[in-house]
Amino acid sequence: MTHSAIQLHHAGRHVVVVDDAAYSPGQAHERGPRRLAGRGIDTLSAKELFYDWVRTIECAHTFHDTHADPAVPPGVRL
């Protein structure tokens, strides 16, 4: 995740990494987001991404009404 994000950033892309959807084993998991932050690459959670996409409570309700059975991981409440 880190290497791909850094390469895209160097290529001039605006990169945002969903940190709770990316994983590296052991201590590498904590180092990756630190390296990204040091290069100005944004990170956010899946929940933050969801709310950025729907923007309003009304849109969130519409999403839930039209997607009755979204696969939501245990412990996540959108």
PDB file of N, CA and C in Angstrom:
ATOM      1  N   MET A   1       0.818  -1.175   0.000  1.00  0.00           N
ATOM      2  CA  MET A   1       0.000   0.000   0.000  1.00  0.00           C
ATOM      3  C   MET A   1       0.871   1.252   0.000  1.00  0.00           C
ATOM      4  N   THR A   2       1.854   1.307   0.841  1.00  0.00           N
ATOM      5  CA  THR A   2       2.686   2.502   0.964  1.00  0.00           C
ATOM      6  C   THR A   2       3.437   2.804  -0.322  1.00  0.00           C
ATOM      7  N   HIS A   3       4.069   1.785  -0.889  1.00  0.00           N
ATOM      8  CA  HIS A   3       4.861   2.015  -2.094  1.00  0.00           C
ATOM      9  C   HIS A   3       3.990   2.482  -3.259  1.00  0.00           C
ATOM     10  N   SER A   4       2.832   1.867  -3.433  1.00  0.00           N
ATOM     11  CA  SER A   4       1.920   2.275  -4.512  1.00  0.00           C
ATOM     12  C   SER A   4       1.462   3.711  -4.312  1.00  0.00           C
ATOM     13  N   ALA A   5       1.083   4.055  -3.091  1.00  0.00           N
ATOM     14  CA  ALA A   5       0.613   5.408  -2.802  1.00  0.00           C
ATOM     15  C   ALA A   5       1.708   6.437  -3.059  1.00  0.00           C
ATOM     16  N   ILE A   6       2.934   6.130  -2.645  1.00  0.00           N
ATOM     17  CA  ILE A   6       4.052   7.067  -2.850  1.00  0.00           C
ATOM     18  C   ILE A   6       4.339   7.232  -4.337  1.00  0.00           C
ATOM     19  N   GLN A   7       4.324   6.133  -5.100  1.00  0.00           N
ATOM     20  CA  GLN A   7       4.563   6.229  -6.542  1.00  0.00           C
ATOM     21  C   GLN A   7       3.488   7.052  -7.228  1.00  0.00           C
ATOM     22  N   LEU A   8       2.234   6.848  -6.868  1.00  0.00           N
ATOM     23  CA  LEU A   8       1.150   7.649  -7.450  1.00  0.00           C
ATOM     24  C   LEU A   8       1.292   9.119  -7.079  1.00  0.00           C
ATOM     25  N   HIS A   9       1.687   9.381  -5.853  1.00  0.00           N
ATOM     26  CA  HIS A   9       1.899  10.755  -5.385  1.00  0.00           C
ATOM     27  C   HIS A   9       3.014  11.423  -6.199  1.00  0.00           C
ATOM     28  N   HIS A  10       4.121  10.703  -6.416  1.00  0.00           N
ATOM     29  CA  HIS A  10       5.240  11.235  -7.209  1.00  0.00           C
ATOM     30  C   HIS A  10       4.839  11.447  -8.668  1.00  0.00           C
ATOM     31  N   ALA A  11       3.855  10.690  -9.137  1.00  0.00           N
ATOM     32  CA  ALA A  11       3.373  10.838 -10.514  1.00  0.00           C
ATOM     33  C   ALA A  11       2.392  12.000 -10.653  1.00  0.00           C
ATOM     34  N   GLY A  12       2.167  12.724  -9.548  1.00  0.00           N
ATOM     35  CA  GLY A  12       1.302  13.901  -9.609  1.00  0.00           C
ATOM     36  C   GLY A  12      -0.153  13.645  -9.265  1.00  0.00           C
ATOM     37  N   ARG A  13      -0.466  12.458  -8.790  1.00  0.00           N
ATOM     38  CA  ARG A  13      -1.851  12.130  -8.414  1.00  0.00           C
ATOM     39  C   ARG A  13      -2.134  12.578  -6.985  1.00  0.00           C
ATOM     40  N   HIS A  14      -3.390  12.947  -6.742  1.00  0.00           N
ATOM     41  CA  HIS A  14      -3.827  13.209  -5.360  1.00  0.00           C
ATOM     42  C   HIS A  14      -4.193  11.855  -4.772  1.00  0.00           C
ATOM     43  N   VAL A  15      -3.479  11.448  -3.742  1.00  0.00           N
ATOM     44  CA  VAL A  15      -3.643  10.112  -3.163  1.00  0.00           C
ATOM     45  C   VAL A  15      -4.224  10.216  -1.761  1.00  0.00           C
ATOM     46  N   VAL A  16      -5.221   9.393  -1.501  1.00  0.00           N
ATOM     47  CA  VAL A  16      -5.786   9.251  -0.165  1.00  0.00           C
ATOM     48  C   VAL A  16      -5.871   7.759   0.114  1.00  0.00           C
ATOM     49  N   VAL A  17      -5.347   7.317   1.249  1.00  0.00           N
ATOM     50  CA  VAL A  17      -5.339   5.911   1.605  1.00  0.00           C
ATOM     51  C   VAL A  17      -6.356   5.664   2.716  1.00  0.00           C
ATOM     52  N   VAL A  18      -7.200   4.672   2.530  1.00  0.00           N
ATOM     53  CA  VAL A  18      -8.153   4.258   3.567  1.00  0.00           C
ATOM     54  C   VAL A  18      -7.395   3.330   4.506  1.00  0.00           C
ATOM     55  N   ASP A  19      -6.947   3.898   5.628  1.00  0.00           N
ATOM     56  CA  ASP A  19      -5.992   3.183   6.477  1.00  0.00           C
ATOM     57  C   ASP A  19      -6.540   1.928   7.145  1.00  0.00           C
ATOM     58  N   ASP A  20      -7.844   1.883   7.437  1.00  0.00           N
ATOM     59  CA  ASP A  20      -8.362   0.660   8.050  1.00  0.00           C
ATOM     60  C   ASP A  20      -8.777  -0.374   7.006  1.00  0.00           C
ATOM     61  N   ALA A  21      -8.530  -0.081   5.733  1.00  0.00           N
ATOM     62  CA  ALA A  21      -8.749  -1.052   4.665  1.00  0.00           C
ATOM     63  C   ALA A  21      -7.421  -1.537   4.094  1.00  0.00           C
ATOM     64  N   ALA A  22      -6.324  -1.018   4.612  1.00  0.00           N
ATOM     65  CA  ALA A  22      -4.989  -1.416   4.168  1.00  0.00           C
ATOM     66  C   ALA A  22      -4.294  -2.116   5.333  1.00  0.00           C
ATOM     67  N   TYR A  23      -3.481  -3.098   5.010  1.00  0.00           N
ATOM     68  CA  TYR A  23      -2.832  -3.843   6.093  1.00  0.00           C
ATOM     69  C   TYR A  23      -1.447  -4.310   5.662  1.00  0.00           C
ATOM     70  N   SER A  24      -0.526  -4.204   6.560  1.00  0.00           N
ATOM     71  CA  SER A  24       0.799  -4.807   6.430  1.00  0.00           C
ATOM     72  C   SER A  24       1.073  -5.541   7.733  1.00  0.00           C
ATOM     73  N   PRO A  25       1.801  -6.646   7.675  1.00  0.00           N
ATOM     74  CA  PRO A  25       2.027  -7.419   8.901  1.00  0.00           C
ATOM     75  C   PRO A  25       2.968  -6.727   9.880  1.00  0.00           C
ATOM     76  N   GLY A  26       2.734  -6.981  11.151  1.00  0.00           N
ATOM     77  CA  GLY A  26       3.626  -6.503  12.211  1.00  0.00           C
ATOM     78  C   GLY A  26       3.760  -4.997  12.288  1.00  0.00           C
ATOM     79  N   GLN A  27       4.975  -4.546  12.602  1.00  0.00           N
ATOM     80  CA  GLN A  27       5.241  -3.119  12.775  1.00  0.00           C
ATOM     81  C   GLN A  27       5.134  -2.335  11.472  1.00  0.00           C
ATOM     82  N   ALA A  28       5.218  -3.020  10.342  1.00  0.00           N
ATOM     83  CA  ALA A  28       5.107  -2.334   9.054  1.00  0.00           C
ATOM     84  C   ALA A  28       3.761  -1.641   8.918  1.00  0.00           C
ATOM     85  N   HIS A  29       2.740  -2.161   9.579  1.00  0.00           N
ATOM     86  CA  HIS A  29       1.416  -1.549   9.497  1.00  0.00           C
ATOM     87  C   HIS A  29       1.407  -0.136  10.081  1.00  0.00           C
ATOM     88  N   GLU A  30       2.145   0.090  11.135  1.00  0.00           N
ATOM     89  CA  GLU A  30       2.217   1.424  11.742  1.00  0.00           C
ATOM     90  C   GLU A  30       3.177   2.328  10.983  1.00  0.00           C
ATOM     91  N   ARG A  31       4.210   1.770  10.410  1.00  0.00           N
ATOM     92  CA  ARG A  31       5.203   2.577   9.699  1.00  0.00           C
ATOM     93  C   ARG A  31       4.654   3.147   8.398  1.00  0.00           C
ATOM     94  N   GLY A  32       3.845   2.369   7.707  1.00  0.00           N
ATOM     95  CA  GLY A  32       3.308   2.813   6.416  1.00  0.00           C
ATOM     96  C   GLY A  32       2.567   4.141   6.498  1.00  0.00           C
ATOM     97  N   PRO A  33       1.545   4.247   7.356  1.00  0.00           N
ATOM     98  CA  PRO A  33       0.836   5.524   7.461  1.00  0.00           C
ATOM     99  C   PRO A  33       1.735   6.692   7.901  1.00  0.00           C
ATOM    100  N   ARG A  34       2.748   6.410   8.730  1.00  0.00           N
ATOM    101  CA  ARG A  34       3.681   7.479   9.121  1.00  0.00           C
ATOM    102  C   ARG A  34       4.476   7.961   7.916  1.00  0.00           C
ATOM    103  N   ARG A  35       4.929   7.030   7.076  1.00  0.00           N
ATOM    104  CA  ARG A  35       5.662   7.412   5.866  1.00  0.00           C
ATOM    105  C   ARG A  35       4.765   8.231   4.937  1.00  0.00           C
ATOM    106  N   LEU A  36       3.516   7.825   4.811  1.00  0.00           N
ATOM    107  CA  LEU A  36       2.587   8.553   3.948  1.00  0.00           C
ATOM    108  C   LEU A  36       2.384   9.978   4.458  1.00  0.00           C
ATOM    109  N   ALA A  37       2.153  10.116   5.741  1.00  0.00           N
ATOM    110  CA  ALA A  37       1.935  11.442   6.330  1.00  0.00           C
ATOM    111  C   ALA A  37       3.158  12.326   6.124  1.00  0.00           C
ATOM    112  N   GLY A  38       4.351  11.748   6.228  1.00  0.00           N
ATOM    113  CA  GLY A  38       5.575  12.508   6.034  1.00  0.00           C
ATOM    114  C   GLY A  38       5.739  13.031   4.616  1.00  0.00           C
ATOM    115  N   ARG A  39       5.024  12.438   3.679  1.00  0.00           N
ATOM    116  CA  ARG A  39       5.081  12.873   2.284  1.00  0.00           C
ATOM    117  C   ARG A  39       3.844  13.668   1.877  1.00  0.00           C
ATOM    118  N   GLY A  40       2.990  13.970   2.850  1.00  0.00           N
ATOM    119  CA  GLY A  40       1.805  14.774   2.556  1.00  0.00           C
ATOM    120  C   GLY A  40       0.660  13.984   1.950  1.00  0.00           C
ATOM    121  N   ILE A  41       0.680  12.675   2.112  1.00  0.00           N
ATOM    122  CA  ILE A  41      -0.389  11.823   1.589  1.00  0.00           C
ATOM    123  C   ILE A  41      -1.431  11.633   2.687  1.00  0.00           C
ATOM    124  N   ASP A  42      -2.676  11.936   2.373  1.00  0.00           N
ATOM    125  CA  ASP A  42      -3.751  11.852   3.350  1.00  0.00           C
ATOM    126  C   ASP A  42      -4.162  10.411   3.624  1.00  0.00           C
ATOM    127  N   THR A  43      -4.563  10.159   4.864  1.00  0.00           N
ATOM    128  CA  THR A  43      -5.186   8.891   5.226  1.00  0.00           C
ATOM    129  C   THR A  43      -6.512   9.198   5.906  1.00  0.00           C
ATOM    130  N   LEU A  44      -7.440   8.270   5.778  1.00  0.00           N
ATOM    131  CA  LEU A  44      -8.718   8.390   6.464  1.00  0.00           C
ATOM    132  C   LEU A  44      -9.279   7.002   6.685  1.00  0.00           C
ATOM    133  N   SER A  45     -10.347   6.929   7.466  1.00  0.00           N
ATOM    134  CA  SER A  45     -10.965   5.636   7.757  1.00  0.00           C
ATOM    135  C   SER A  45     -12.065   5.354   6.731  1.00  0.00           C
ATOM    136  N   ALA A  46     -12.511   4.115   6.682  1.00  0.00           N
ATOM    137  CA  ALA A  46     -13.612   3.758   5.779  1.00  0.00           C
ATOM    138  C   ALA A  46     -14.868   4.557   6.129  1.00  0.00           C
ATOM    139  N   LYS A  47     -15.097   4.774   7.409  1.00  0.00           N
ATOM    140  CA  LYS A  47     -16.275   5.539   7.825  1.00  0.00           C
ATOM    141  C   LYS A  47     -16.169   6.986   7.356  1.00  0.00           C
ATOM    142  N   GLU A  48     -14.982   7.583   7.476  1.00  0.00           N
ATOM    143  CA  GLU A  48     -14.796   8.957   6.980  1.00  0.00           C
ATOM    144  C   GLU A  48     -15.036   9.030   5.481  1.00  0.00           C
ATOM    145  N   LEU A  49     -14.542   8.032   4.752  1.00  0.00           N
ATOM    146  CA  LEU A  49     -14.734   7.998   3.306  1.00  0.00           C
ATOM    147  C   LEU A  49     -16.217   7.927   2.966  1.00  0.00           C
ATOM    148  N   PHE A  50     -16.940   7.065   3.662  1.00  0.00           N
ATOM    149  CA  PHE A  50     -18.380   6.937   3.433  1.00  0.00           C
ATOM    150  C   PHE A  50     -19.070   8.280   3.608  1.00  0.00           C
ATOM    151  N   TYR A  51     -18.792   8.970   4.703  1.00  0.00           N
ATOM    152  CA  TYR A  51     -19.456  10.250   4.945  1.00  0.00           C
ATOM    153  C   TYR A  51     -18.986  11.337   3.985  1.00  0.00           C
ATOM    154  N   ASP A  52     -17.735  11.274   3.542  1.00  0.00           N
ATOM    155  CA  ASP A  52     -17.287  12.215   2.512  1.00  0.00           C
ATOM    156  C   ASP A  52     -18.063  12.000   1.222  1.00  0.00           C
ATOM    157  N   TRP A  53     -18.351  10.752   0.904  1.00  0.00           N
ATOM    158  CA  TRP A  53     -19.070  10.455  -0.331  1.00  0.00           C
ATOM    159  C   TRP A  53     -20.537  10.840  -0.258  1.00  0.00           C
ATOM    160  N   VAL A  54     -21.207  10.606   0.866  1.00  0.00           N
ATOM    161  CA  VAL A  54     -22.636  10.899   0.943  1.00  0.00           C
ATOM    162  C   VAL A  54     -22.922  12.352   1.323  1.00  0.00           C
ATOM    163  N   ARG A  55     -22.000  13.005   1.980  1.00  0.00           N
ATOM    164  CA  ARG A  55     -22.031  14.437   2.317  1.00  0.00           C
ATOM    165  C   ARG A  55     -23.117  14.895   3.282  1.00  0.00           C
ATOM    166  N   THR A  56     -24.319  14.373   3.190  1.00  0.00           N
ATOM    167  CA  THR A  56     -25.389  14.844   4.071  1.00  0.00           C
ATOM    168  C   THR A  56     -26.101  13.656   4.716  1.00  0.00           C
ATOM    169  N   ILE A  57     -26.780  13.917   5.804  1.00  0.00           N
ATOM    170  CA  ILE A  57     -27.570  12.886   6.473  1.00  0.00           C
ATOM    171  C   ILE A  57     -28.663  12.386   5.533  1.00  0.00           C
ATOM    172  N   GLU A  58     -29.265  13.286   4.783  1.00  0.00           N
ATOM    173  CA  GLU A  58     -30.316  12.893   3.836  1.00  0.00           C
ATOM    174  C   GLU A  58     -29.771  11.901   2.799  1.00  0.00           C
ATOM    175  N   CYS A  59     -28.580  12.172   2.290  1.00  0.00           N
ATOM    176  CA  CYS A  59     -27.960  11.251   1.324  1.00  0.00           C
ATOM    177  C   CYS A  59     -27.627   9.916   1.988  1.00  0.00           C
ATOM    178  N   ALA A  60     -27.204   9.956   3.245  1.00  0.00           N
ATOM    179  CA  ALA A  60     -26.897   8.713   3.965  1.00  0.00           C
ATOM    180  C   ALA A  60     -28.156   7.873   4.119  1.00  0.00           C
ATOM    181  N   HIS A  61     -29.271   8.513   4.472  1.00  0.00           N
ATOM    182  CA  HIS A  61     -30.535   7.782   4.606  1.00  0.00           C
ATOM    183  C   HIS A  61     -30.967   7.203   3.259  1.00  0.00           C
ATOM    184  N   THR A  62     -30.821   7.980   2.196  1.00  0.00           N
ATOM    185  CA  THR A  62     -31.159   7.497   0.855  1.00  0.00           C
ATOM    186  C   THR A  62     -30.309   6.294   0.499  1.00  0.00           C
ATOM    187  N   PHE A  63     -29.006   6.364   0.799  1.00  0.00           N
ATOM    188  CA  PHE A  63     -28.116   5.233   0.536  1.00  0.00           C
ATOM    189  C   PHE A  63     -28.605   3.992   1.269  1.00  0.00           C
ATOM    190  N   HIS A  64     -28.890   4.131   2.551  1.00  0.00           N
ATOM    191  CA  HIS A  64     -29.326   2.975   3.333  1.00  0.00           C
ATOM    192  C   HIS A  64     -30.672   2.441   2.848  1.00  0.00           C
ATOM    193  N   ASP A  65     -31.556   3.336   2.397  1.00  0.00           N
ATOM    194  CA  ASP A  65     -32.861   2.901   1.899  1.00  0.00           C
ATOM    195  C   ASP A  65     -32.736   2.132   0.587  1.00  0.00           C
ATOM    196  N   THR A  66     -31.778   2.491  -0.245  1.00  0.00           N
ATOM    197  CA  THR A  66     -31.626   1.848  -1.555  1.00  0.00           C
ATOM    198  C   THR A  66     -30.639   0.689  -1.543  1.00  0.00           C
ATOM    199  N   HIS A  67     -29.890   0.528  -0.459  1.00  0.00           N
ATOM    200  CA  HIS A  67     -28.927  -0.569  -0.327  1.00  0.00           C
ATOM    201  C   HIS A  67     -29.224  -1.291   0.987  1.00  0.00           C
ATOM    202  N   ALA A  68     -30.246  -2.090   0.950  1.00  0.00           N
ATOM    203  CA  ALA A  68     -30.741  -2.708   2.183  1.00  0.00           C
ATOM    204  C   ALA A  68     -29.733  -3.636   2.855  1.00  0.00           C
ATOM    205  N   ASP A  69     -28.897  -4.294   2.088  1.00  0.00           N
ATOM    206  CA  ASP A  69     -27.999  -5.291   2.672  1.00  0.00           C
ATOM    207  C   ASP A  69     -26.536  -5.041   2.336  1.00  0.00           C
ATOM    208  N   PRO A  70     -26.005  -3.861   2.647  1.00  0.00           N
ATOM    209  CA  PRO A  70     -24.570  -3.675   2.359  1.00  0.00           C
ATOM    210  C   PRO A  70     -23.745  -4.539   3.294  1.00  0.00           C
ATOM    211  N   ALA A  71     -22.649  -5.036   2.789  1.00  0.00           N
ATOM    212  CA  ALA A  71     -21.747  -5.838   3.616  1.00  0.00           C
ATOM    213  C   ALA A  71     -20.923  -4.899   4.492  1.00  0.00           C
ATOM    214  N   VAL A  72     -21.284  -4.825   5.759  1.00  0.00           N
ATOM    215  CA  VAL A  72     -20.581  -3.975   6.701  1.00  0.00           C
ATOM    216  C   VAL A  72     -19.822  -4.878   7.672  1.00  0.00           C
ATOM    217  N   PRO A  73     -18.515  -4.687   7.780  1.00  0.00           N
ATOM    218  CA  PRO A  73     -17.734  -5.542   8.680  1.00  0.00           C
ATOM    219  C   PRO A  73     -18.210  -5.426  10.124  1.00  0.00           C
ATOM    220  N   PRO A  74     -18.047  -6.494  10.909  1.00  0.00           N
ATOM    221  CA  PRO A  74     -18.429  -6.444  12.317  1.00  0.00           C
ATOM    222  C   PRO A  74     -17.711  -5.287  13.025  1.00  0.00           C
ATOM    223  N   GLY A  75     -18.444  -4.575  13.855  1.00  0.00           N
ATOM    224  CA  GLY A  75     -17.860  -3.478  14.622  1.00  0.00           C
ATOM    225  C   GLY A  75     -17.885  -2.134  13.904  1.00  0.00           C
ATOM    226  N   VAL A  76     -18.306  -2.108  12.631  1.00  0.00           N
ATOM    227  CA  VAL A  76     -18.363  -0.845  11.880  1.00  0.00           C
ATOM    228  C   VAL A  76     -19.815  -0.443  11.772  1.00  0.00           C
ATOM    229  N   ARG A  77     -20.082   0.796  12.106  1.00  0.00           N
ATOM    230  CA  ARG A  77     -21.447   1.323  11.966  1.00  0.00           C
ATOM    231  C   ARG A  77     -21.362   2.564  11.115  1.00  0.00           C
ATOM    232  N   LEU A  78     -22.028   2.531   9.972  1.00  0.00           N
ATOM    233  CA  LEU A  78     -22.027   3.696   9.071  1.00  0.00           C
ATOM    234  C   LEU A  78     -23.241   4.546   9.306  1.00  0.00           C
TER     235      LEU A  78
END
